[in-house]
Amino acid sequence: MERKYFYPAIDRFKLLAALLVIAIHTSPLTSLSPEADYILTRVLARVAVPFFFMVTGYFVLPKALKNPDYGRSYLKRIGLIYLISIALYLPVGIYAGHFKGAGILSILKMIFLDGTFYHLWYLPALLLGFTVMLLLLTCLPLRAVSIICGLLYLIGLFGDSYYGLIPENSFVSVLYRGLFHVFEYTRNGLFYAPIFLLLGYDISERRPSLALSLGALGVLSGFFLGEGISLKLLNTQRHDSMYLFLLPIMYFLFSSLLEDCQEEEQNTFPKDLPLYIYLLHPLFIILVRGGAKITKLSVFVDNSLLHYLAVTIATLAGSLLLTKLLSLVPKKSRRKKTPNPQTPKKEES
């Protein structure tokens, strides 16, 4: 007899993760303490995007491996979301001069690797990372896939937070400079996404106990904070998305959230709300800044915390309005049974 399970804690953390992404892009504590803002947005908030990858790895990847049509359907849906997002932000990008002087190769690199707007890198990373994981898990045993994904993340790590540890003018630094002609950052679908997709998939196969997860989180949180602060003090960071202790932190965090498991669905908020928040928040950052300029209410820009709150409230309102409008679309015109990139599907046992 089939059972369907639901995970309220996962759903709630999806919403929190989306709000953390807004924090990353608005730096809410800067006016109070730049140091505190760094800890919040450049260390703690870096759990947000890996969490979304792990949701896909846990809920979508196992089904895609069993049913290739399911995997293709998922990739098509993500591709469609990405195309819509490109069209939505294209006028903003043109106005901001993002495409000024860009050749065909540069534009293709933006579309397929880096994203055409600063937050859209996640979608091509998800498309590439998911495809890589499907190929690896189909062709190789899990242990070999784990080694490959670990090595890819290690390469990415030294192109991100640990970049400053590479000796200048060394052979390795030359290799990385060449790499950055292809990728803007190593935080992408090749070096970053696969390991978190794999962690989600691995937890779907075997999960540690709640006691172990909570205990490990308590211990590892200190190491994670220490790593982020130390790298900042050492000035090694080319970017600040990839940390060594981010891997175990995400593994045990995700595992502990799965303990909130129920057989009845709780509709606390629209399931697509975190997705819309993620996709739309840069538009509301622009609108809040423009509105503050027009109304002479510069406090909503100058004060970082008020700026964050204004953007968050506006984004929530806009996203809820969008969910309401889309709910009015006849169901027959919607795509059926297509997975959401940030909404966990029901697990059956």
C-alpha atoms as a PDB file:
ATOM      1  CA  MET A   1       0.000   0.000   0.000  1.00  0.00           C
ATOM      2  CA  GLU A   2       1.418   3.372  -1.041  1.00  0.00           C
ATOM      3  CA  ARG A   3       1.899   6.184   1.434  1.00  0.00           C
ATOM      4  CA  LYS A   4       2.605   9.800   0.670  1.00  0.00           C
ATOM      5  CA  TYR A   5       4.708  11.849   3.043  1.00  0.00           C
ATOM      6  CA  PHE A   6       5.005  15.598   3.432  1.00  0.00           C
ATOM      7  CA  TYR A   7       7.763  17.660   5.031  1.00  0.00           C
ATOM      8  CA  PRO A   8       6.529  20.944   6.568  1.00  0.00           C
ATOM      9  CA  ALA A   9       9.974  21.904   7.898  1.00  0.00           C
ATOM     10  CA  ILE A  10      11.440  21.611   4.401  1.00  0.00           C
ATOM     11  CA  ASP A  11       8.681  23.852   3.040  1.00  0.00           C
ATOM     12  CA  ARG A  12       9.198  26.445   5.784  1.00  0.00           C
ATOM     13  CA  PHE A  13      12.952  26.454   5.257  1.00  0.00           C
ATOM     14  CA  LYS A  14      12.408  27.023   1.536  1.00  0.00           C
ATOM     15  CA  LEU A  15      10.678  30.284   2.405  1.00  0.00           C
ATOM     16  CA  LEU A  16      13.443  31.212   4.859  1.00  0.00           C
ATOM     17  CA  ALA A  17      16.078  30.404   2.226  1.00  0.00           C
ATOM     18  CA  ALA A  18      14.361  32.706  -0.282  1.00  0.00           C
ATOM     19  CA  LEU A  19      14.382  35.526   2.304  1.00  0.00           C
ATOM     20  CA  LEU A  20      18.067  34.853   2.965  1.00  0.00           C
ATOM     21  CA  VAL A  21      18.752  35.319  -0.744  1.00  0.00           C
ATOM     22  CA  ILE A  22      17.144  38.762  -0.511  1.00  0.00           C
ATOM     23  CA  ALA A  23      19.414  39.465   2.454  1.00  0.00           C
ATOM     24  CA  ILE A  24      22.480  38.483   0.411  1.00  0.00           C
ATOM     25  CA  HIS A  25      21.510  41.032  -2.238  1.00  0.00           C
ATOM     26  CA  THR A  26      20.546  43.873   0.142  1.00  0.00           C
ATOM     27  CA  SER A  27      23.009  43.476   3.073  1.00  0.00           C
ATOM     28  CA  PRO A  28      20.477  44.374   5.805  1.00  0.00           C
ATOM     29  CA  LEU A  29      22.909  44.810   8.712  1.00  0.00           C
ATOM     30  CA  THR A  30      25.460  47.054   6.985  1.00  0.00           C
ATOM     31  CA  SER A  31      24.130  50.234   8.635  1.00  0.00           C
ATOM     32  CA  LEU A  32      24.413  48.602  12.063  1.00  0.00           C
ATOM     33  CA  SER A  33      27.608  46.587  11.707  1.00  0.00           C
ATOM     34  CA  PRO A  34      29.452  45.602   8.518  1.00  0.00           C
ATOM     35  CA  GLU A  35      31.038  42.729  10.411  1.00  0.00           C
ATOM     36  CA  ALA A  36      27.663  41.369  11.538  1.00  0.00           C
ATOM     37  CA  ASP A  37      26.347  41.757   8.003  1.00  0.00           C
ATOM     38  CA  TYR A  38      29.266  39.736   6.651  1.00  0.00           C
ATOM     39  CA  ILE A  39      28.541  36.905   9.079  1.00  0.00           C
ATOM     40  CA  LEU A  40      24.844  36.944   8.186  1.00  0.00           C
ATOM     41  CA  THR A  41      24.994  37.375   4.413  1.00  0.00           C
ATOM     42  CA  ARG A  42      28.402  35.990   3.412  1.00  0.00           C
ATOM     43  CA  VAL A  43      28.526  33.029   5.763  1.00  0.00           C
ATOM     44  CA  LEU A  44      25.224  31.971   7.358  1.00  0.00           C
ATOM     45  CA  ALA A  45      23.016  32.889   4.389  1.00  0.00           C
ATOM     46  CA  ARG A  46      25.206  30.783   2.099  1.00  0.00           C
ATOM     47  CA  VAL A  47      23.135  27.774   3.162  1.00  0.00           C
ATOM     48  CA  ALA A  48      20.209  29.054   1.046  1.00  0.00           C
ATOM     49  CA  VAL A  49      21.167  28.044  -2.489  1.00  0.00           C
ATOM     50  CA  PRO A  50      22.745  24.670  -1.522  1.00  0.00           C
ATOM     51  CA  PHE A  51      19.471  23.903   0.261  1.00  0.00           C
ATOM     52  CA  PHE A  52      17.527  24.373  -2.984  1.00  0.00           C
ATOM     53  CA  PHE A  53      19.947  22.090  -4.819  1.00  0.00           C
ATOM     54  CA  MET A  54      19.542  19.466  -2.095  1.00  0.00           C
ATOM     55  CA  VAL A  55      15.748  19.654  -2.362  1.00  0.00           C
ATOM     56  CA  THR A  56      16.137  18.709  -6.013  1.00  0.00           C
ATOM     57  CA  GLY A  57      18.682  16.013  -5.200  1.00  0.00           C
ATOM     58  CA  TYR A  58      16.401  14.438  -2.585  1.00  0.00           C
ATOM     59  CA  PHE A  59      12.969  14.703  -4.179  1.00  0.00           C
ATOM     60  CA  VAL A  60      13.579  14.881  -7.930  1.00  0.00           C
ATOM     61  CA  LEU A  61      16.838  13.115  -8.775  1.00  0.00           C
ATOM     62  CA  PRO A  62      15.807   9.614  -7.541  1.00  0.00           C
ATOM     63  CA  LYS A  63      12.620   9.765  -9.608  1.00  0.00           C
ATOM     64  CA  ALA A  64      14.520  11.013 -12.666  1.00  0.00           C
ATOM     65  CA  LEU A  65      16.941   8.087 -12.408  1.00  0.00           C
ATOM     66  CA  LYS A  66      14.051   5.625 -12.309  1.00  0.00           C
ATOM     67  CA  ASN A  67      12.046   7.376 -15.008  1.00  0.00           C
ATOM     68  CA  PRO A  68      14.006   9.265 -17.718  1.00  0.00           C
ATOM     69  CA  ASP A  69      10.815  10.937 -18.916  1.00  0.00           C
ATOM     70  CA  TYR A  70      10.405  12.490 -15.477  1.00  0.00           C
ATOM     71  CA  GLY A  71      13.948  13.861 -15.669  1.00  0.00           C
ATOM     72  CA  ARG A  72      13.389  15.290 -19.144  1.00  0.00           C
ATOM     73  CA  SER A  73      10.132  16.872 -17.997  1.00  0.00           C
ATOM     74  CA  TYR A  74      11.928  18.485 -15.062  1.00  0.00           C
ATOM     75  CA  LEU A  75      14.691  19.878 -17.268  1.00  0.00           C
ATOM     76  CA  LYS A  76      12.125  21.257 -19.717  1.00  0.00           C
ATOM     77  CA  ARG A  77      10.309  23.004 -16.874  1.00  0.00           C
ATOM     78  CA  ILE A  78      13.502  24.571 -15.531  1.00  0.00           C
ATOM     79  CA  GLY A  79      14.459  25.609 -19.058  1.00  0.00           C
ATOM     80  CA  LEU A  80      11.074  27.282 -19.549  1.00  0.00           C
ATOM     81  CA  ILE A  81      11.377  29.116 -16.228  1.00  0.00           C
ATOM     82  CA  TYR A  82      14.842  30.279 -17.261  1.00  0.00           C
ATOM     83  CA  LEU A  83      13.651  31.521 -20.665  1.00  0.00           C
ATOM     84  CA  ILE A  84      10.834  33.488 -19.023  1.00  0.00           C
ATOM     85  CA  SER A  85      13.302  34.921 -16.500  1.00  0.00           C
ATOM     86  CA  ILE A  86      15.713  35.952 -19.265  1.00  0.00           C
ATOM     87  CA  ALA A  87      12.888  37.763 -21.067  1.00  0.00           C
ATOM     88  CA  LEU A  88      11.756  39.418 -17.818  1.00  0.00           C
ATOM     89  CA  TYR A  89      15.176  40.817 -16.974  1.00  0.00           C
ATOM     90  CA  LEU A  90      16.391  41.533 -20.502  1.00  0.00           C
ATOM     91  CA  PRO A  91      15.156  45.176 -20.539  1.00  0.00           C
ATOM     92  CA  VAL A  92      16.752  45.775 -17.112  1.00  0.00           C
ATOM     93  CA  GLY A  93      20.022  44.232 -18.255  1.00  0.00           C
ATOM     94  CA  ILE A  94      20.086  46.330 -21.428  1.00  0.00           C
ATOM     95  CA  TYR A  95      19.316  49.512 -19.464  1.00  0.00           C
ATOM     96  CA  ALA A  96      22.073  48.687 -16.956  1.00  0.00           C
ATOM     97  CA  GLY A  97      24.554  48.089 -19.779  1.00  0.00           C
ATOM     98  CA  HIS A  98      25.197  44.430 -18.992  1.00  0.00           C
ATOM     99  CA  PHE A  99      25.311  43.558 -22.691  1.00  0.00           C
ATOM    100  CA  LYS A 100      27.247  46.623 -23.840  1.00  0.00           C
ATOM    101  CA  GLY A 101      30.145  45.541 -26.018  1.00  0.00           C
ATOM    102  CA  ALA A 102      29.360  41.865 -25.469  1.00  0.00           C
ATOM    103  CA  GLY A 103      30.061  39.573 -28.410  1.00  0.00           C
ATOM    104  CA  ILE A 104      28.253  36.380 -29.341  1.00  0.00           C
ATOM    105  CA  LEU A 105      30.538  34.227 -27.191  1.00  0.00           C
ATOM    106  CA  SER A 106      30.065  36.475 -24.164  1.00  0.00           C
ATOM    107  CA  ILE A 107      26.289  36.392 -24.536  1.00  0.00           C
ATOM    108  CA  LEU A 108      26.306  32.605 -24.920  1.00  0.00           C
ATOM    109  CA  LYS A 109      28.483  32.359 -21.804  1.00  0.00           C
ATOM    110  CA  MET A 110      25.948  34.469 -19.903  1.00  0.00           C
ATOM    111  CA  ILE A 111      23.017  32.371 -21.085  1.00  0.00           C
ATOM    112  CA  PHE A 112      24.462  28.908 -20.553  1.00  0.00           C
ATOM    113  CA  LEU A 113      26.908  29.395 -17.672  1.00  0.00           C
ATOM    114  CA  ASP A 114      26.745  32.619 -15.669  1.00  0.00           C
ATOM    115  CA  GLY A 115      23.136  33.739 -16.012  1.00  0.00           C
ATOM    116  CA  THR A 116      21.932  36.903 -17.762  1.00  0.00           C
ATOM    117  CA  PHE A 117      21.220  38.686 -14.469  1.00  0.00           C
ATOM    118  CA  TYR A 118      23.062  38.391 -11.175  1.00  0.00           C
ATOM    119  CA  HIS A 119      20.630  35.987  -9.488  1.00  0.00           C
ATOM    120  CA  LEU A 120      19.780  33.934 -12.571  1.00  0.00           C
ATOM    121  CA  TRP A 121      23.038  31.960 -12.436  1.00  0.00           C
ATOM    122  CA  TYR A 122      21.136  29.420 -10.313  1.00  0.00           C
ATOM    123  CA  LEU A 123      18.964  28.218 -13.199  1.00  0.00           C
ATOM    124  CA  PRO A 124      21.703  27.333 -15.737  1.00  0.00           C
ATOM    125  CA  ALA A 125      23.667  25.865 -12.805  1.00  0.00           C
ATOM    126  CA  LEU A 126      20.687  23.677 -11.949  1.00  0.00           C
ATOM    127  CA  LEU A 127      20.247  22.608 -15.576  1.00  0.00           C
ATOM    128  CA  LEU A 128      23.921  21.723 -15.989  1.00  0.00           C
ATOM    129  CA  GLY A 129      24.377  20.200 -12.541  1.00  0.00           C
ATOM    130  CA  PHE A 130      21.244  18.059 -12.803  1.00  0.00           C
ATOM    131  CA  THR A 131      22.295  16.784 -16.234  1.00  0.00           C
ATOM    132  CA  VAL A 132      25.806  15.994 -14.974  1.00  0.00           C
ATOM    133  CA  MET A 133      24.405  14.065 -12.017  1.00  0.00           C
ATOM    134  CA  LEU A 134      22.015  12.068 -14.198  1.00  0.00           C
ATOM    135  CA  LEU A 135      24.903  11.034 -16.440  1.00  0.00           C
ATOM    136  CA  LEU A 136      27.276  10.212 -13.577  1.00  0.00           C
ATOM    137  CA  LEU A 137      24.779   8.243 -11.485  1.00  0.00           C
ATOM    138  CA  THR A 138      23.610   6.339 -14.554  1.00  0.00           C
ATOM    139  CA  CYS A 139      27.117   5.333 -15.610  1.00  0.00           C
ATOM    140  CA  LEU A 140      29.115   5.046 -12.379  1.00  0.00           C
ATOM    141  CA  PRO A 141      28.742   3.634  -8.850  1.00  0.00           C
ATOM    142  CA  LEU A 142      27.864   6.058  -6.070  1.00  0.00           C
ATOM    143  CA  ARG A 143      31.362   5.959  -4.540  1.00  0.00           C
ATOM    144  CA  ALA A 144      32.969   7.021  -7.824  1.00  0.00           C
ATOM    145  CA  VAL A 145      30.392   9.774  -8.311  1.00  0.00           C
ATOM    146  CA  SER A 146      31.082  11.022  -4.783  1.00  0.00           C
ATOM    147  CA  ILE A 147      34.822  11.243  -5.513  1.00  0.00           C
ATOM    148  CA  ILE A 148      34.227  13.122  -8.774  1.00  0.00           C
ATOM    149  CA  CYS A 149      31.793  15.594  -7.201  1.00  0.00           C
ATOM    150  CA  GLY A 150      34.140  16.115  -4.252  1.00  0.00           C
ATOM    151  CA  LEU A 151      37.068  16.867  -6.558  1.00  0.00           C
ATOM    152  CA  LEU A 152      34.959  19.267  -8.620  1.00  0.00           C
ATOM    153  CA  TYR A 153      33.930  21.117  -5.462  1.00  0.00           C
ATOM    154  CA  LEU A 154      37.546  21.251  -4.298  1.00  0.00           C
ATOM    155  CA  ILE A 155      38.566  22.821  -7.606  1.00  0.00           C
ATOM    156  CA  GLY A 156      35.724  25.297  -7.239  1.00  0.00           C
ATOM    157  CA  LEU A 157      36.679  26.046  -3.646  1.00  0.00           C
ATOM    158  CA  PHE A 158      40.096  27.334  -4.704  1.00  0.00           C
ATOM    159  CA  GLY A 159      38.456  29.485  -7.347  1.00  0.00           C
ATOM    160  CA  ASP A 160      36.174  31.003  -4.716  1.00  0.00           C
ATOM    161  CA  SER A 161      36.812  31.481  -0.980  1.00  0.00           C
ATOM    162  CA  TYR A 162      40.290  29.918  -1.015  1.00  0.00           C
ATOM    163  CA  TYR A 163      41.545  31.621  -4.178  1.00  0.00           C
ATOM    164  CA  GLY A 164      44.032  33.810  -2.303  1.00  0.00           C
ATOM    165  CA  LEU A 165      45.957  30.752  -1.096  1.00  0.00           C
ATOM    166  CA  ILE A 166      47.108  29.973  -4.651  1.00  0.00           C
ATOM    167  CA  PRO A 167      50.642  31.342  -5.202  1.00  0.00           C
ATOM    168  CA  GLU A 168      50.720  34.195  -7.701  1.00  0.00           C
ATOM    169  CA  ASN A 169      52.163  33.438 -11.140  1.00  0.00           C
ATOM    170  CA  SER A 170      52.160  29.725 -10.380  1.00  0.00           C
ATOM    171  CA  PHE A 171      51.021  27.121 -12.892  1.00  0.00           C
ATOM    172  CA  VAL A 172      47.820  26.633 -10.881  1.00  0.00           C
ATOM    173  CA  SER A 173      47.020  30.358 -10.905  1.00  0.00           C
ATOM    174  CA  VAL A 174      47.460  30.389 -14.687  1.00  0.00           C
ATOM    175  CA  LEU A 175      45.009  27.499 -14.976  1.00  0.00           C
ATOM    176  CA  TYR A 176      42.439  29.324 -12.859  1.00  0.00           C
ATOM    177  CA  ARG A 177      42.816  32.537 -14.840  1.00  0.00           C
ATOM    178  CA  GLY A 178      42.133  30.521 -17.958  1.00  0.00           C
ATOM    179  CA  LEU A 179      39.136  28.958 -16.242  1.00  0.00           C
ATOM    180  CA  PHE A 180      37.735  32.400 -15.451  1.00  0.00           C
ATOM    181  CA  HIS A 181      37.687  33.194 -19.139  1.00  0.00           C
ATOM    182  CA  VAL A 182      35.094  30.443 -19.449  1.00  0.00           C
ATOM    183  CA  PHE A 183      33.254  30.884 -16.132  1.00  0.00           C
ATOM    184  CA  GLU A 184      32.751  34.147 -14.283  1.00  0.00           C
ATOM    185  CA  TYR A 185      32.792  32.175 -11.019  1.00  0.00           C
ATOM    186  CA  THR A 186      33.406  28.573 -10.020  1.00  0.00           C
ATOM    187  CA  ARG A 187      30.072  28.796  -8.195  1.00  0.00           C
ATOM    188  CA  ASN A 188      28.254  27.202 -11.115  1.00  0.00           C
ATOM    189  CA  GLY A 189      26.683  24.037 -12.459  1.00  0.00           C
ATOM    190  CA  LEU A 190      29.956  22.154 -12.839  1.00  0.00           C
ATOM    191  CA  PHE A 191      31.916  22.826  -9.646  1.00  0.00           C
ATOM    192  CA  TYR A 192      29.195  23.862  -7.191  1.00  0.00           C
ATOM    193  CA  ALA A 193      25.813  22.298  -7.950  1.00  0.00           C
ATOM    194  CA  PRO A 194      26.724  18.577  -8.338  1.00  0.00           C
ATOM    195  CA  ILE A 195      27.950  18.009  -4.783  1.00  0.00           C
ATOM    196  CA  PHE A 196      24.798  19.434  -3.215  1.00  0.00           C
ATOM    197  CA  LEU A 197      22.566  17.508  -5.600  1.00  0.00           C
ATOM    198  CA  LEU A 198      24.536  14.417  -4.598  1.00  0.00           C
ATOM    199  CA  LEU A 199      24.155  15.144  -0.877  1.00  0.00           C
ATOM    200  CA  GLY A 200      20.388  15.369  -1.305  1.00  0.00           C
ATOM    201  CA  TYR A 201      20.351  12.144  -3.284  1.00  0.00           C
ATOM    202  CA  ASP A 202      22.554  10.370  -0.748  1.00  0.00           C
ATOM    203  CA  ILE A 203      20.201  11.343   2.093  1.00  0.00           C
ATOM    204  CA  SER A 204      17.316   9.844   0.110  1.00  0.00           C
ATOM    205  CA  GLU A 205      19.202   6.540   0.198  1.00  0.00           C
ATOM    206  CA  ARG A 206      20.369   6.672   3.818  1.00  0.00           C
ATOM    207  CA  ARG A 207      19.739   9.252   6.501  1.00  0.00           C
ATOM    208  CA  PRO A 208      21.543   9.836   9.821  1.00  0.00           C
ATOM    209  CA  SER A 209      19.560   9.919  13.048  1.00  0.00           C
ATOM    210  CA  LEU A 210      18.110  13.162  14.376  1.00  0.00           C
ATOM    211  CA  ALA A 211      20.379  13.037  17.442  1.00  0.00           C
ATOM    212  CA  LEU A 212      23.483  12.703  15.266  1.00  0.00           C
ATOM    213  CA  SER A 213      22.298  15.462  12.909  1.00  0.00           C
ATOM    214  CA  LEU A 214      21.587  17.952  15.702  1.00  0.00           C
ATOM    215  CA  GLY A 215      24.800  17.128  17.544  1.00  0.00           C
ATOM    216  CA  ALA A 216      26.874  17.491  14.396  1.00  0.00           C
ATOM    217  CA  LEU A 217      25.155  20.783  13.566  1.00  0.00           C
ATOM    218  CA  GLY A 218      26.020  22.155  16.980  1.00  0.00           C
ATOM    219  CA  VAL A 219      29.705  21.285  16.617  1.00  0.00           C
ATOM    220  CA  LEU A 220      30.096  22.129  12.937  1.00  0.00           C
ATOM    221  CA  SER A 221      28.388  25.530  13.191  1.00  0.00           C
ATOM    222  CA  GLY A 222      31.362  26.844  15.139  1.00  0.00           C
ATOM    223  CA  PHE A 223      33.818  25.542  12.546  1.00  0.00           C
ATOM    224  CA  PHE A 224      31.682  26.989   9.737  1.00  0.00           C
ATOM    225  CA  LEU A 225      31.624  30.452  11.309  1.00  0.00           C
ATOM    226  CA  GLY A 226      35.325  30.216  12.114  1.00  0.00           C
ATOM    227  CA  GLU A 227      36.132  29.295   8.535  1.00  0.00           C
ATOM    228  CA  GLY A 228      34.131  32.196   7.098  1.00  0.00           C
ATOM    229  CA  ILE A 229      35.620  34.750   9.495  1.00  0.00           C
ATOM    230  CA  SER A 230      39.181  33.444   9.078  1.00  0.00           C
ATOM    231  CA  LEU A 231      39.024  33.570   5.293  1.00  0.00           C
ATOM    232  CA  LYS A 232      37.759  37.150   5.478  1.00  0.00           C
ATOM    233  CA  LEU A 233      40.597  38.159   7.801  1.00  0.00           C
ATOM    234  CA  LEU A 234      43.143  36.401   5.586  1.00  0.00           C
ATOM    235  CA  ASN A 235      41.693  38.151   2.522  1.00  0.00           C
ATOM    236  CA  THR A 236      41.695  34.962   0.453  1.00  0.00           C
ATOM    237  CA  GLN A 237      38.221  35.281  -1.062  1.00  0.00           C
ATOM    238  CA  ARG A 238      37.654  35.921  -4.725  1.00  0.00           C
ATOM    239  CA  HIS A 239      34.011  35.233  -3.971  1.00  0.00           C
ATOM    240  CA  ASP A 240      32.315  33.949  -0.816  1.00  0.00           C
ATOM    241  CA  SER A 241      29.871  31.216  -1.839  1.00  0.00           C
ATOM    242  CA  MET A 242      31.938  28.075  -1.292  1.00  0.00           C
ATOM    243  CA  TYR A 243      33.205  26.854   2.063  1.00  0.00           C
ATOM    244  CA  LEU A 244      34.646  23.541   3.151  1.00  0.00           C
ATOM    245  CA  PHE A 245      32.378  23.211   6.194  1.00  0.00           C
ATOM    246  CA  LEU A 246      29.332  24.150   4.125  1.00  0.00           C
ATOM    247  CA  LEU A 247      29.147  20.522   2.957  1.00  0.00           C
ATOM    248  CA  PRO A 248      28.685  18.795   6.341  1.00  0.00           C
ATOM    249  CA  ILE A 249      26.543  21.688   7.624  1.00  0.00           C
ATOM    250  CA  MET A 250      24.115  21.231   4.720  1.00  0.00           C
ATOM    251  CA  TYR A 251      24.109  17.451   5.055  1.00  0.00           C
ATOM    252  CA  PHE A 252      23.085  17.462   8.698  1.00  0.00           C
ATOM    253  CA  LEU A 253      20.800  20.499   8.395  1.00  0.00           C
ATOM    254  CA  PHE A 254      18.815  18.909   5.601  1.00  0.00           C
ATOM    255  CA  SER A 255      18.702  15.574   7.422  1.00  0.00           C
ATOM    256  CA  SER A 256      17.310  17.181  10.576  1.00  0.00           C
ATOM    257  CA  LEU A 257      14.609  19.047   8.638  1.00  0.00           C
ATOM    258  CA  LEU A 258      13.393  15.779   7.141  1.00  0.00           C
ATOM    259  CA  GLU A 259      12.472  14.527  10.598  1.00  0.00           C
ATOM    260  CA  ASP A 260       9.328  16.685  10.439  1.00  0.00           C
ATOM    261  CA  CYS A 261       7.463  14.137   8.338  1.00  0.00           C
ATOM    262  CA  GLN A 262       3.671  13.848   8.089  1.00  0.00           C
ATOM    263  CA  GLU A 263       1.082  11.966   6.077  1.00  0.00           C
ATOM    264  CA  GLU A 264      -1.188  14.991   5.748  1.00  0.00           C
ATOM    265  CA  GLU A 265      -0.290  18.014   3.656  1.00  0.00           C
ATOM    266  CA  GLN A 266      -0.166  21.417   5.352  1.00  0.00           C
ATOM    267  CA  ASN A 267      -0.976  24.283   3.006  1.00  0.00           C
ATOM    268  CA  THR A 268       0.666  27.060   5.022  1.00  0.00           C
ATOM    269  CA  PHE A 269       1.543  29.180   1.954  1.00  0.00           C
ATOM    270  CA  PRO A 270       1.436  28.748  -1.840  1.00  0.00           C
ATOM    271  CA  LYS A 271       3.961  26.083  -2.814  1.00  0.00           C
ATOM    272  CA  ASP A 272       5.533  28.229  -5.553  1.00  0.00           C
ATOM    273  CA  LEU A 273       5.968  31.287  -3.306  1.00  0.00           C
ATOM    274  CA  PRO A 274       9.717  30.730  -2.577  1.00  0.00           C
ATOM    275  CA  LEU A 275      10.380  30.336  -6.306  1.00  0.00           C
ATOM    276  CA  TYR A 276       8.621  33.603  -7.142  1.00  0.00           C
ATOM    277  CA  ILE A 277      10.427  35.407  -4.323  1.00  0.00           C
ATOM    278  CA  TYR A 278      13.759  34.195  -5.652  1.00  0.00           C
ATOM    279  CA  LEU A 279      12.995  35.171  -9.234  1.00  0.00           C
ATOM    280  CA  LEU A 280      11.283  38.514  -8.606  1.00  0.00           C
ATOM    281  CA  HIS A 281      13.205  40.110  -5.744  1.00  0.00           C
ATOM    282  CA  PRO A 282      15.753  42.000  -7.918  1.00  0.00           C
ATOM    283  CA  LEU A 283      12.839  43.763  -9.650  1.00  0.00           C
ATOM    284  CA  PHE A 284      11.540  44.921  -6.283  1.00  0.00           C
ATOM    285  CA  ILE A 285      15.015  46.064  -5.245  1.00  0.00           C
ATOM    286  CA  ILE A 286      14.941  48.331  -8.300  1.00  0.00           C
ATOM    287  CA  LEU A 287      11.374  49.462  -7.582  1.00  0.00           C
ATOM    288  CA  VAL A 288      12.103  50.259  -3.930  1.00  0.00           C
ATOM    289  CA  ARG A 289      15.174  52.280  -4.872  1.00  0.00           C
ATOM    290  CA  GLY A 290      13.279  54.077  -7.625  1.00  0.00           C
ATOM    291  CA  GLY A 291      10.300  54.715  -5.364  1.00  0.00           C
ATOM    292  CA  ALA A 292      12.541  56.078  -2.605  1.00  0.00           C
ATOM    293  CA  LYS A 293      14.145  58.464  -5.080  1.00  0.00           C
ATOM    294  CA  ILE A 294      10.809  59.714  -6.421  1.00  0.00           C
ATOM    295  CA  THR A 295       9.212  60.152  -2.995  1.00  0.00           C
ATOM    296  CA  LYS A 296      12.386  61.569  -1.425  1.00  0.00           C
ATOM    297  CA  LEU A 297      12.199  58.781   1.200  1.00  0.00           C
ATOM    298  CA  SER A 298      15.880  57.993   0.952  1.00  0.00           C
ATOM    299  CA  VAL A 299      15.777  56.322   4.377  1.00  0.00           C
ATOM    300  CA  PHE A 300      14.497  53.176   2.637  1.00  0.00           C
ATOM    301  CA  VAL A 301      17.778  53.026   0.744  1.00  0.00           C
ATOM    302  CA  ASP A 302      20.232  54.619   3.148  1.00  0.00           C
ATOM    303  CA  ASN A 303      19.167  52.489   6.094  1.00  0.00           C
ATOM    304  CA  SER A 304      20.101  48.941   5.135  1.00  0.00           C
ATOM    305  CA  LEU A 305      17.654  47.239   7.507  1.00  0.00           C
ATOM    306  CA  LEU A 306      14.695  49.343   6.343  1.00  0.00           C
ATOM    307  CA  HIS A 307      15.796  48.718   2.773  1.00  0.00           C
ATOM    308  CA  TYR A 308      15.750  44.954   3.360  1.00  0.00           C
ATOM    309  CA  LEU A 309      12.341  45.100   5.034  1.00  0.00           C
ATOM    310  CA  ALA A 310      10.874  47.241   2.250  1.00  0.00           C
ATOM    311  CA  VAL A 311      12.213  44.934  -0.464  1.00  0.00           C
ATOM    312  CA  THR A 312      11.075  41.825   1.405  1.00  0.00           C
ATOM    313  CA  ILE A 313       7.541  43.114   2.037  1.00  0.00           C
ATOM    314  CA  ALA A 314       7.195  44.336  -1.550  1.00  0.00           C
ATOM    315  CA  THR A 315       8.528  41.045  -2.939  1.00  0.00           C
ATOM    316  CA  LEU A 316       6.211  38.993  -0.733  1.00  0.00           C
ATOM    317  CA  ALA A 317       3.226  41.072  -1.817  1.00  0.00           C
ATOM    318  CA  GLY A 318       4.151  40.840  -5.476  1.00  0.00           C
ATOM    319  CA  SER A 319       4.818  37.110  -5.283  1.00  0.00           C
ATOM    320  CA  LEU A 320       1.522  36.434  -3.490  1.00  0.00           C
ATOM    321  CA  LEU A 321      -0.288  38.497  -6.110  1.00  0.00           C
ATOM    322  CA  LEU A 322       1.383  36.467  -8.852  1.00  0.00           C
ATOM    323  CA  THR A 323       0.346  33.174  -7.239  1.00  0.00           C
ATOM    324  CA  LYS A 324      -3.220  34.499  -6.994  1.00  0.00           C
ATOM    325  CA  LEU A 325      -3.290  35.544 -10.643  1.00  0.00           C
ATOM    326  CA  LEU A 326      -1.837  32.241 -11.807  1.00  0.00           C
ATOM    327  CA  SER A 327      -4.401  30.348  -9.737  1.00  0.00           C
ATOM    328  CA  LEU A 328      -7.071  31.956 -11.911  1.00  0.00           C
ATOM    329  CA  VAL A 329      -5.572  30.346 -15.025  1.00  0.00           C
ATOM    330  CA  PRO A 330      -7.689  27.320 -16.051  1.00  0.00           C
ATOM    331  CA  LYS A 331      -6.055  24.131 -14.840  1.00  0.00           C
ATOM    332  CA  LYS A 332      -6.265  22.504 -18.259  1.00  0.00           C
ATOM    333  CA  SER A 333      -3.871  25.111 -19.635  1.00  0.00           C
ATOM    334  CA  ARG A 334      -1.224  24.364 -17.020  1.00  0.00           C
ATOM    335  CA  ARG A 335       1.489  21.804 -17.455  1.00  0.00           C
ATOM    336  CA  LYS A 336       0.582  18.679 -15.540  1.00  0.00           C
ATOM    337  CA  LYS A 337       2.755  16.825 -13.052  1.00  0.00           C
ATOM    338  CA  THR A 338       5.892  18.808 -13.720  1.00  0.00           C
ATOM    339  CA  PRO A 339       8.274  19.200 -10.807  1.00  0.00           C
ATOM    340  CA  ASN A 340       9.045  22.569  -9.301  1.00  0.00           C
ATOM    341  CA  PRO A 341      12.769  23.418  -8.922  1.00  0.00           C
ATOM    342  CA  GLN A 342      12.293  24.561  -5.365  1.00  0.00           C
ATOM    343  CA  THR A 343       9.235  22.613  -4.229  1.00  0.00           C
ATOM    344  CA  PRO A 344       9.758  19.124  -2.866  1.00  0.00           C
ATOM    345  CA  LYS A 345       7.493  16.495  -4.325  1.00  0.00           C
ATOM    346  CA  LYS A 346       5.678  13.919  -2.263  1.00  0.00           C
ATOM    347  CA  GLU A 347       7.826  10.977  -1.301  1.00  0.00           C
ATOM    348  CA  GLU A 348       6.159   7.638  -1.719  1.00  0.00           C
ATOM    349  CA  SER A 349       6.938   4.448   0.166  1.00  0.00           C
END
